[in-house]
Protein backbone atom coordinates (compact mmCIF):
# COMPACT_ATOMS: atom_id res chain seq x y z
CA MET A 1 65.49 -45.07 94.50
CA ARG A 2 67.67 -43.07 96.63
CA ASP A 3 66.37 -39.92 98.82
CA PRO A 4 66.55 -36.65 96.66
CA GLY A 5 67.82 -35.02 100.06
CA LEU A 6 71.06 -37.38 100.34
CA LYS A 7 71.45 -36.85 97.42
CA ARG A 8 71.24 -33.12 97.44
CA VAL A 9 73.95 -33.35 101.20
CA ARG A 10 76.11 -35.01 99.28
CA ALA A 11 76.40 -33.46 95.68
CA ARG A 12 77.16 -30.51 98.48
CA ILE A 13 80.00 -32.67 100.51
CA ASP A 14 81.36 -33.01 96.84
CA GLU A 15 81.41 -29.51 96.02
CA LEU A 16 83.45 -28.96 99.77
CA ASP A 17 85.99 -31.80 99.20
CA ALA A 18 86.60 -29.52 96.00
CA ARG A 19 87.38 -27.14 97.11
CA ILE A 20 88.96 -28.71 100.40
CA VAL A 21 91.76 -30.16 97.55
CA GLY A 22 92.37 -26.24 95.88
CA LEU A 23 92.93 -24.66 99.31
CA LEU A 24 95.77 -27.62 100.14
CA CYS A 25 97.23 -27.49 96.79
CA ARG A 26 97.14 -23.37 96.79
CA ARG A 27 99.12 -23.76 100.63
CA LEU A 28 101.41 -26.43 99.56
CA LEU A 29 102.55 -24.07 96.48
CA LEU A 30 103.69 -21.27 99.35
CA ALA A 31 104.87 -24.18 101.43
CA LYS A 32 107.54 -25.03 98.92
CA LYS A 33 108.30 -21.29 97.81
CA THR A 34 109.47 -20.83 102.03
CA ALA A 35 111.82 -23.00 101.43
CA ARG A 36 113.63 -20.13 99.48
CA PHE A 37 113.77 -18.40 102.79
CA LYS A 38 115.02 -20.63 104.88
CA LYS A 39 118.36 -21.13 106.47
CA ARG A 40 118.77 -23.99 108.58
CA GLY A 41 116.09 -26.57 108.09
CA LEU A 42 113.56 -26.82 106.99
CA ARG A 43 111.63 -27.48 109.78
CA SER A 44 110.62 -24.97 113.19
CA ALA A 45 108.73 -26.62 115.82
CA SER A 46 107.31 -23.62 116.77
CA ARG A 47 106.22 -22.90 113.45
CA GLU A 48 104.18 -26.00 114.00
CA ALA A 49 103.36 -25.39 116.81
CA LYS A 50 102.04 -22.77 116.20
CA VAL A 51 100.19 -23.83 113.57
CA MET A 52 99.06 -26.78 115.51
CA GLY A 53 97.80 -24.83 118.14
CA ARG A 54 95.70 -22.71 116.17
CA ALA A 55 93.81 -25.77 114.06
CA LYS A 56 93.45 -27.34 117.83
CA ARG A 57 91.72 -24.37 119.19
CA ARG A 58 89.43 -23.76 115.93
CA ALA A 59 88.47 -27.67 116.76
CA ARG A 60 87.72 -27.31 120.05
CA GLU A 61 85.69 -23.58 119.18
CA ASP A 62 83.42 -25.62 116.23
CA GLY A 63 82.58 -28.66 118.56
CA LEU A 64 85.38 -30.55 116.63
CA PRO A 65 87.47 -33.37 117.82
CA PRO A 66 91.02 -31.68 118.64
CA GLU A 67 92.39 -34.34 118.00
CA LEU A 68 91.16 -34.87 114.41
CA LEU A 69 92.06 -31.59 113.16
CA GLU A 70 95.86 -32.14 114.87
CA ALA A 71 96.39 -35.64 112.46
CA ILE A 72 95.01 -33.47 109.44
CA TYR A 73 97.41 -30.55 110.05
CA ARG A 74 100.33 -33.27 110.69
CA ALA A 75 99.79 -34.62 107.48
CA ILE A 76 99.49 -31.22 106.32
CA ILE A 77 102.96 -30.49 107.59
CA ALA A 78 105.14 -33.55 106.57
CA GLY A 79 103.69 -32.95 103.17
CA SER A 80 104.48 -29.51 102.65
CA VAL A 81 107.92 -30.72 104.54
CA LYS A 82 108.51 -33.19 101.88
CA ILE A 83 107.67 -30.80 98.95
CA GLN A 84 110.15 -28.04 100.69
CA VAL A 85 112.98 -31.08 100.70
CA LYS A 86 112.28 -31.63 96.04
CA ARG A 87 112.38 -27.48 95.81
CA LYS A 88 116.03 -27.05 97.54
């Protein structure tokens, strides 16, 4: 029989995963809306640097590897741009 503690922890992870997916969906919908306001190109190096800097700073504050958050946010930004391209 599996450890009930492990089962509870995994259930909490599953709940967090569902929330993360929901938040990512909301974020991508907002990113999609930004495309209509952009006059020149979809990418803004300064905006991406700010987003990345915030994520890495928060990671350090919370004791996470900044490289992990950087990789995650690079994927989020790439997905956002992909959605914006489809929008235009």
